[in-house]
């Protein structure tokens, strides 16, 4: 498995790397612009990401804009919807409108509200079908 962790908070990136690195390779981006570039590079190298974990509120380019660009790249490359990268959008805001923008309008696979712990993350990974290497965790 290959993961792209996109968050401007170093602590969040470190925690997620610790949580996910035993299941696959973890790359990082600190804003949406870097995320889009990393995503494009993964396709060019024929080593695409299985999951992008992306914060919504970031400098330079926010997660919503980055998600739109990623989905546009997939359309341009004629990647079938069933083969699109799975994207979990994350926000500290419990604002329903933001989640609707990310999930329904933006093409996110799913979303989480911070703080995200291991149990929530693993349950979400199970929900979106990435259970092959993810253990079942009980609360």
N, C-alpha and C. Protein backbone atom coordinates (compact mmCIF):
# COMPACT_ATOMS: atom_id res chain seq x y z
N UNK A 1 0.84 -1.19 0.00
CA UNK A 1 0.00 0.00 0.00
C UNK A 1 0.88 1.24 0.00
N UNK A 2 0.31 2.29 -0.53
CA UNK A 2 1.04 3.57 -0.59
C UNK A 2 0.10 4.67 -0.16
N UNK A 3 0.57 5.50 0.80
CA UNK A 3 -0.24 6.56 1.38
C UNK A 3 0.40 7.92 1.15
N UNK A 4 -0.44 8.92 0.90
CA UNK A 4 0.00 10.31 0.85
C UNK A 4 -0.72 11.03 1.98
N UNK A 5 0.05 11.55 2.92
CA UNK A 5 -0.49 12.27 4.07
C UNK A 5 -0.28 13.76 3.80
N UNK A 6 -1.39 14.49 3.72
CA UNK A 6 -1.33 15.91 3.38
C UNK A 6 -1.90 16.71 4.54
N UNK A 7 -1.02 17.38 5.26
CA UNK A 7 -1.44 18.18 6.41
C UNK A 7 -0.33 19.18 6.71
N UNK A 8 -0.71 20.40 7.05
CA UNK A 8 0.30 21.41 7.34
C UNK A 8 0.84 21.30 8.77
N UNK A 9 0.27 20.44 9.59
CA UNK A 9 0.74 20.25 10.97
C UNK A 9 1.70 19.07 11.04
N UNK A 10 2.93 19.35 11.45
CA UNK A 10 3.96 18.31 11.51
C UNK A 10 3.56 17.19 12.47
N UNK A 11 2.95 17.53 13.60
CA UNK A 11 2.56 16.51 14.58
C UNK A 11 1.58 15.53 13.96
N UNK A 12 0.61 16.01 13.21
CA UNK A 12 -0.36 15.14 12.56
C UNK A 12 0.34 14.21 11.57
N UNK A 13 1.26 14.76 10.80
CA UNK A 13 1.98 13.93 9.82
C UNK A 13 2.77 12.82 10.53
N UNK A 14 3.44 13.16 11.63
CA UNK A 14 4.23 12.17 12.36
C UNK A 14 3.35 11.07 12.95
N UNK A 15 2.22 11.45 13.53
CA UNK A 15 1.32 10.46 14.13
C UNK A 15 0.78 9.52 13.06
N UNK A 16 0.37 10.08 11.93
CA UNK A 16 -0.16 9.25 10.85
C UNK A 16 0.91 8.33 10.26
N UNK A 17 2.11 8.84 10.14
CA UNK A 17 3.19 7.99 9.63
C UNK A 17 3.40 6.82 10.58
N UNK A 18 3.42 7.09 11.86
CA UNK A 18 3.61 6.02 12.85
C UNK A 18 2.47 5.01 12.76
N UNK A 19 1.26 5.49 12.53
CA UNK A 19 0.08 4.62 12.46
C UNK A 19 0.06 3.79 11.18
N UNK A 20 0.44 4.38 10.06
CA UNK A 20 0.27 3.73 8.76
C UNK A 20 1.53 3.09 8.17
N UNK A 21 2.70 3.47 8.64
CA UNK A 21 3.92 3.03 7.97
C UNK A 21 4.15 1.52 8.03
N UNK A 22 3.59 0.83 9.01
CA UNK A 22 3.77 -0.62 9.04
C UNK A 22 2.89 -1.32 8.00
N UNK A 23 1.97 -0.57 7.37
CA UNK A 23 1.08 -1.13 6.35
C UNK A 23 1.47 -0.74 4.94
N UNK A 24 2.42 0.18 4.81
CA UNK A 24 2.84 0.61 3.49
C UNK A 24 3.72 1.84 3.56
N UNK A 25 4.08 2.34 2.39
CA UNK A 25 4.93 3.52 2.29
C UNK A 25 4.11 4.78 2.50
N UNK A 26 4.68 5.73 3.24
CA UNK A 26 4.00 7.00 3.52
C UNK A 26 4.82 8.15 2.95
N UNK A 27 4.18 8.97 2.13
CA UNK A 27 4.77 10.20 1.64
C UNK A 27 4.01 11.35 2.27
N UNK A 28 4.62 12.55 2.25
CA UNK A 28 4.02 13.71 2.87
C UNK A 28 3.92 14.88 1.91
N UNK A 29 2.94 15.73 2.19
CA UNK A 29 2.83 17.04 1.54
C UNK A 29 2.30 17.98 2.62
N UNK A 30 2.73 19.24 2.58
CA UNK A 30 2.32 20.20 3.61
C UNK A 30 1.23 21.15 3.13
N UNK A 31 0.84 21.02 1.86
CA UNK A 31 -0.26 21.84 1.34
C UNK A 31 -0.82 21.16 0.09
N UNK A 32 -1.90 21.69 -0.40
CA UNK A 32 -2.57 21.10 -1.55
C UNK A 32 -1.74 21.12 -2.82
N UNK A 33 -0.95 22.17 -3.01
CA UNK A 33 -0.11 22.26 -4.21
C UNK A 33 0.90 21.12 -4.25
N UNK A 34 1.54 20.85 -3.11
CA UNK A 34 2.48 19.73 -3.03
C UNK A 34 1.75 18.40 -3.23
N UNK A 35 0.52 18.30 -2.71
CA UNK A 35 -0.25 17.06 -2.85
C UNK A 35 -0.53 16.75 -4.32
N UNK A 36 -0.95 17.76 -5.05
CA UNK A 36 -1.24 17.57 -6.48
C UNK A 36 0.02 17.15 -7.22
N UNK A 37 1.14 17.79 -6.92
CA UNK A 37 2.41 17.45 -7.58
C UNK A 37 2.82 16.02 -7.24
N UNK A 38 2.69 15.63 -5.99
CA UNK A 38 3.03 14.26 -5.57
C UNK A 38 2.12 13.25 -6.24
N UNK A 39 0.84 13.57 -6.34
CA UNK A 39 -0.11 12.67 -6.98
C UNK A 39 0.25 12.47 -8.45
N UNK A 40 0.52 13.58 -9.15
CA UNK A 40 0.91 13.48 -10.57
C UNK A 40 2.18 12.66 -10.74
N UNK A 41 3.16 12.87 -9.86
CA UNK A 41 4.41 12.14 -9.96
C UNK A 41 4.17 10.64 -9.73
N UNK A 42 3.28 10.30 -8.81
CA UNK A 42 3.00 8.88 -8.54
C UNK A 42 2.41 8.21 -9.78
N UNK A 43 1.58 8.93 -10.52
CA UNK A 43 1.00 8.37 -11.75
C UNK A 43 2.07 8.23 -12.83
N UNK A 44 2.91 9.24 -12.95
CA UNK A 44 3.97 9.21 -13.96
C UNK A 44 4.95 8.06 -13.70
N UNK A 45 5.19 7.75 -12.43
CA UNK A 45 6.09 6.67 -12.05
C UNK A 45 5.39 5.31 -12.06
N UNK A 46 4.11 5.31 -12.41
CA UNK A 46 3.29 4.09 -12.40
C UNK A 46 3.30 3.41 -11.03
N UNK A 47 3.24 4.25 -9.99
CA UNK A 47 3.22 3.78 -8.61
C UNK A 47 2.21 4.64 -7.84
N UNK A 48 0.93 4.53 -8.21
CA UNK A 48 -0.07 5.44 -7.64
C UNK A 48 -0.35 5.18 -6.16
N UNK A 49 -0.88 6.19 -5.53
CA UNK A 49 -1.28 6.08 -4.12
C UNK A 49 -2.56 5.27 -4.00
N UNK A 50 -2.66 4.52 -2.91
CA UNK A 50 -3.88 3.80 -2.58
C UNK A 50 -4.82 4.70 -1.78
N UNK A 51 -4.23 5.62 -1.00
CA UNK A 51 -5.01 6.51 -0.15
C UNK A 51 -4.32 7.85 -0.02
N UNK A 52 -5.13 8.90 -0.10
CA UNK A 52 -4.67 10.24 0.24
C UNK A 52 -5.49 10.69 1.44
N UNK A 53 -4.79 11.01 2.51
CA UNK A 53 -5.39 11.55 3.73
C UNK A 53 -5.10 13.04 3.68
N UNK A 54 -6.14 13.89 3.51
CA UNK A 54 -5.89 15.30 3.23
C UNK A 54 -6.71 16.23 4.11
N UNK A 55 -5.99 17.11 4.78
CA UNK A 55 -6.62 18.16 5.57
C UNK A 55 -7.29 19.15 4.63
N UNK A 56 -8.38 19.75 5.08
CA UNK A 56 -9.06 20.74 4.25
C UNK A 56 -8.42 22.11 4.39
N UNK A 57 -8.15 22.52 5.61
CA UNK A 57 -7.62 23.87 5.86
C UNK A 57 -6.10 23.85 5.84
N UNK A 58 -5.52 24.37 4.73
CA UNK A 58 -4.06 24.43 4.59
C UNK A 58 -3.68 25.69 3.84
N UNK A 59 -2.44 26.15 4.04
CA UNK A 59 -1.98 27.32 3.28
C UNK A 59 -1.67 26.95 1.83
N UNK A 60 -1.42 27.94 1.02
CA UNK A 60 -1.03 27.86 -0.38
C UNK A 60 -2.19 27.35 -1.24
N UNK A 61 -2.62 26.11 -1.03
CA UNK A 61 -3.79 25.56 -1.72
C UNK A 61 -4.50 24.66 -0.71
N UNK A 62 -5.79 24.92 -0.49
CA UNK A 62 -6.51 24.10 0.50
C UNK A 62 -6.85 22.72 -0.06
N UNK A 63 -7.32 21.86 0.81
CA UNK A 63 -7.60 20.48 0.43
C UNK A 63 -8.72 20.34 -0.58
N UNK A 64 -9.72 21.21 -0.52
CA UNK A 64 -10.83 21.12 -1.47
C UNK A 64 -10.37 21.40 -2.89
N UNK A 65 -9.55 22.44 -3.04
CA UNK A 65 -9.03 22.77 -4.37
C UNK A 65 -8.10 21.66 -4.88
N UNK A 66 -7.27 21.13 -3.98
CA UNK A 66 -6.36 20.05 -4.36
C UNK A 66 -7.14 18.81 -4.79
N UNK A 67 -8.20 18.49 -4.07
CA UNK A 67 -9.02 17.33 -4.42
C UNK A 67 -9.63 17.51 -5.81
N UNK A 68 -10.12 18.70 -6.08
CA UNK A 68 -10.70 18.96 -7.41
C UNK A 68 -9.65 18.75 -8.50
N UNK A 69 -8.44 19.27 -8.27
CA UNK A 69 -7.37 19.11 -9.26
C UNK A 69 -6.98 17.64 -9.44
N UNK A 70 -6.94 16.89 -8.36
CA UNK A 70 -6.62 15.47 -8.44
C UNK A 70 -7.67 14.73 -9.25
N UNK A 71 -8.93 15.01 -8.98
CA UNK A 71 -10.01 14.35 -9.74
C UNK A 71 -9.98 14.76 -11.21
N UNK A 72 -9.62 16.02 -11.49
CA UNK A 72 -9.49 16.47 -12.88
C UNK A 72 -8.35 15.72 -13.60
N UNK A 73 -7.24 15.51 -12.90
CA UNK A 73 -6.11 14.77 -13.47
C UNK A 73 -6.55 13.35 -13.81
N UNK A 74 -7.29 12.73 -12.90
CA UNK A 74 -7.77 11.37 -13.15
C UNK A 74 -8.69 11.33 -14.37
N UNK A 75 -9.57 12.32 -14.50
CA UNK A 75 -10.45 12.38 -15.67
C UNK A 75 -9.64 12.56 -16.95
N UNK A 76 -8.66 13.47 -16.91
CA UNK A 76 -7.82 13.71 -18.09
C UNK A 76 -7.06 12.46 -18.51
N UNK A 77 -6.69 11.64 -17.55
CA UNK A 77 -5.95 10.40 -17.83
C UNK A 77 -6.88 9.21 -18.05
N UNK A 78 -8.19 9.52 -18.06
CA UNK A 78 -9.22 8.49 -18.31
C UNK A 78 -9.15 7.33 -17.31
N UNK A 79 -8.88 7.69 -16.06
CA UNK A 79 -8.90 6.70 -14.98
C UNK A 79 -10.36 6.47 -14.60
N UNK A 80 -10.76 5.22 -14.63
CA UNK A 80 -12.15 4.88 -14.31
C UNK A 80 -12.46 5.24 -12.86
N UNK A 81 -13.70 5.66 -12.59
CA UNK A 81 -14.08 6.01 -11.21
C UNK A 81 -13.76 4.90 -10.20
N UNK A 82 -13.89 3.66 -10.61
CA UNK A 82 -13.60 2.54 -9.70
C UNK A 82 -12.11 2.42 -9.38
N UNK A 83 -11.26 3.07 -10.19
CA UNK A 83 -9.81 3.01 -10.00
C UNK A 83 -9.23 4.30 -9.43
N UNK A 84 -10.11 5.29 -9.16
CA UNK A 84 -9.64 6.55 -8.59
C UNK A 84 -9.01 6.31 -7.22
N UNK A 85 -8.06 7.18 -6.88
CA UNK A 85 -7.44 7.11 -5.56
C UNK A 85 -8.51 7.39 -4.50
N UNK A 86 -8.44 6.66 -3.40
CA UNK A 86 -9.35 6.91 -2.29
C UNK A 86 -8.82 8.11 -1.52
N UNK A 87 -9.72 9.04 -1.22
CA UNK A 87 -9.32 10.26 -0.53
C UNK A 87 -10.19 10.45 0.70
N UNK A 88 -9.53 10.54 1.85
CA UNK A 88 -10.23 10.87 3.10
C UNK A 88 -9.89 12.32 3.41
N UNK A 89 -10.91 13.16 3.42
CA UNK A 89 -10.73 14.57 3.77
C UNK A 89 -10.90 14.71 5.28
N UNK A 90 -10.09 15.58 5.86
CA UNK A 90 -10.08 15.75 7.31
C UNK A 90 -10.19 17.23 7.64
N UNK A 91 -10.98 17.54 8.66
CA UNK A 91 -11.11 18.92 9.08
C UNK A 91 -11.30 19.00 10.59
N UNK A 92 -10.87 20.11 11.15
CA UNK A 92 -11.11 20.39 12.56
C UNK A 92 -12.49 21.00 12.72
N UNK A 93 -13.06 21.43 11.62
CA UNK A 93 -14.37 22.07 11.66
C UNK A 93 -15.45 21.01 11.57
N UNK A 94 -16.44 21.12 12.41
CA UNK A 94 -17.57 20.21 12.33
C UNK A 94 -18.65 20.80 11.43
N UNK A 95 -18.26 21.71 10.56
CA UNK A 95 -19.20 22.43 9.70
C UNK A 95 -19.76 21.52 8.61
N UNK A 96 -21.05 21.23 8.66
CA UNK A 96 -21.64 20.34 7.66
C UNK A 96 -21.46 20.82 6.22
N UNK A 97 -21.49 22.12 5.99
CA UNK A 97 -21.33 22.65 4.62
C UNK A 97 -19.95 22.31 4.07
N UNK A 98 -18.93 22.39 4.90
CA UNK A 98 -17.58 22.05 4.46
C UNK A 98 -17.50 20.57 4.09
N UNK A 99 -18.12 19.73 4.89
CA UNK A 99 -18.11 18.30 4.61
C UNK A 99 -18.89 17.98 3.33
N UNK A 100 -19.99 18.68 3.09
CA UNK A 100 -20.76 18.47 1.85
C UNK A 100 -19.90 18.86 0.66
N UNK A 101 -19.19 19.99 0.78
CA UNK A 101 -18.30 20.42 -0.31
C UNK A 101 -17.25 19.35 -0.61
N UNK A 102 -16.67 18.79 0.43
CA UNK A 102 -15.60 17.81 0.24
C UNK A 102 -16.14 16.47 -0.23
N UNK A 103 -17.20 16.01 0.39
CA UNK A 103 -17.67 14.65 0.17
C UNK A 103 -18.54 14.53 -1.07
N UNK A 104 -19.57 15.33 -1.15
CA UNK A 104 -20.51 15.20 -2.26
C UNK A 104 -20.07 15.96 -3.50
N UNK A 105 -19.66 17.21 -3.31
CA UNK A 105 -19.30 18.03 -4.46
C UNK A 105 -17.86 17.81 -4.92
N UNK A 106 -16.97 17.52 -3.98
CA UNK A 106 -15.55 17.43 -4.31
C UNK A 106 -15.07 16.07 -4.75
N UNK A 107 -15.83 15.03 -4.49
CA UNK A 107 -15.42 13.70 -4.90
C UNK A 107 -14.57 12.96 -3.89
N UNK A 108 -14.62 13.39 -2.61
CA UNK A 108 -13.89 12.65 -1.58
C UNK A 108 -14.54 11.29 -1.38
N UNK A 109 -13.74 10.31 -1.05
CA UNK A 109 -14.24 8.98 -0.76
C UNK A 109 -14.94 8.98 0.59
N UNK A 110 -14.37 9.72 1.54
CA UNK A 110 -14.94 9.81 2.87
C UNK A 110 -14.34 11.02 3.59
N UNK A 111 -14.73 11.21 4.84
CA UNK A 111 -14.18 12.32 5.62
C UNK A 111 -14.14 11.95 7.09
N UNK A 112 -13.29 12.66 7.82
CA UNK A 112 -13.17 12.53 9.27
C UNK A 112 -13.07 13.92 9.88
N UNK A 113 -13.52 14.03 11.12
CA UNK A 113 -13.40 15.28 11.87
C UNK A 113 -12.30 15.08 12.90
N UNK A 114 -11.38 16.05 13.00
CA UNK A 114 -10.29 15.99 13.97
C UNK A 114 -10.84 16.18 15.37
N UNK A 115 -10.23 15.63 16.37
CA UNK A 115 -9.01 14.83 16.32
C UNK A 115 -9.30 13.42 15.82
N UNK A 116 -8.39 12.89 15.04
CA UNK A 116 -8.53 11.55 14.48
C UNK A 116 -7.63 10.61 15.28
N UNK A 117 -8.22 9.56 15.83
CA UNK A 117 -7.41 8.57 16.53
C UNK A 117 -7.32 7.30 15.69
N UNK A 118 -6.52 6.37 16.14
CA UNK A 118 -6.26 5.14 15.39
C UNK A 118 -7.54 4.36 15.14
N UNK A 119 -8.40 4.26 16.13
CA UNK A 119 -9.64 3.49 15.99
C UNK A 119 -10.53 4.10 14.92
N UNK A 120 -10.73 5.43 14.97
CA UNK A 120 -11.55 6.11 13.95
C UNK A 120 -10.97 5.90 12.55
N UNK A 121 -9.65 6.08 12.45
CA UNK A 121 -8.99 5.95 11.14
C UNK A 121 -9.13 4.53 10.60
N UNK A 122 -8.87 3.53 11.40
CA UNK A 122 -8.96 2.15 10.93
C UNK A 122 -10.40 1.78 10.57
N UNK A 123 -11.36 2.28 11.32
CA UNK A 123 -12.76 2.02 10.96
C UNK A 123 -13.10 2.65 9.62
N UNK A 124 -12.61 3.85 9.40
CA UNK A 124 -12.85 4.53 8.13
C UNK A 124 -12.19 3.78 6.98
N UNK A 125 -10.97 3.30 7.18
CA UNK A 125 -10.28 2.53 6.15
C UNK A 125 -11.06 1.26 5.82
N UNK A 126 -11.62 0.65 6.83
CA UNK A 126 -12.44 -0.55 6.60
C UNK A 126 -13.68 -0.19 5.79
N UNK A 127 -14.33 0.92 6.13
CA UNK A 127 -15.54 1.36 5.42
C UNK A 127 -15.28 1.61 3.94
N UNK A 128 -14.10 2.11 3.60
CA UNK A 128 -13.83 2.45 2.20
C UNK A 128 -13.12 1.32 1.45
N UNK A 129 -12.98 0.18 2.11
CA UNK A 129 -12.47 -1.00 1.41
C UNK A 129 -10.97 -1.19 1.43
N UNK A 130 -10.27 -0.52 2.33
CA UNK A 130 -8.81 -0.70 2.43
C UNK A 130 -8.48 -1.57 3.64
N UNK A 131 -9.07 -2.72 3.70
CA UNK A 131 -8.91 -3.58 4.87
C UNK A 131 -7.89 -4.69 4.68
N UNK A 132 -7.34 -4.81 3.51
CA UNK A 132 -6.43 -5.93 3.22
C UNK A 132 -5.27 -6.00 4.21
N UNK A 133 -4.74 -4.87 4.60
CA UNK A 133 -3.59 -4.87 5.51
C UNK A 133 -3.87 -4.16 6.82
N UNK A 134 -5.08 -3.64 6.98
CA UNK A 134 -5.41 -2.87 8.16
C UNK A 134 -6.07 -3.80 9.19
N UNK A 135 -5.57 -3.81 10.43
CA UNK A 135 -6.15 -4.69 11.43
C UNK A 135 -7.52 -4.20 11.90
N UNK A 136 -8.31 -5.13 12.41
CA UNK A 136 -9.59 -4.76 13.01
C UNK A 136 -9.28 -4.25 14.41
N UNK A 137 -9.73 -3.05 14.72
CA UNK A 137 -9.48 -2.45 16.02
C UNK A 137 -10.80 -2.21 16.70
N UNK A 138 -10.90 -2.62 17.94
CA UNK A 138 -12.14 -2.41 18.70
C UNK A 138 -11.96 -1.23 19.63
N UNK A 139 -13.06 -0.50 19.84
CA UNK A 139 -12.99 0.67 20.74
C UNK A 139 -12.90 0.23 22.17
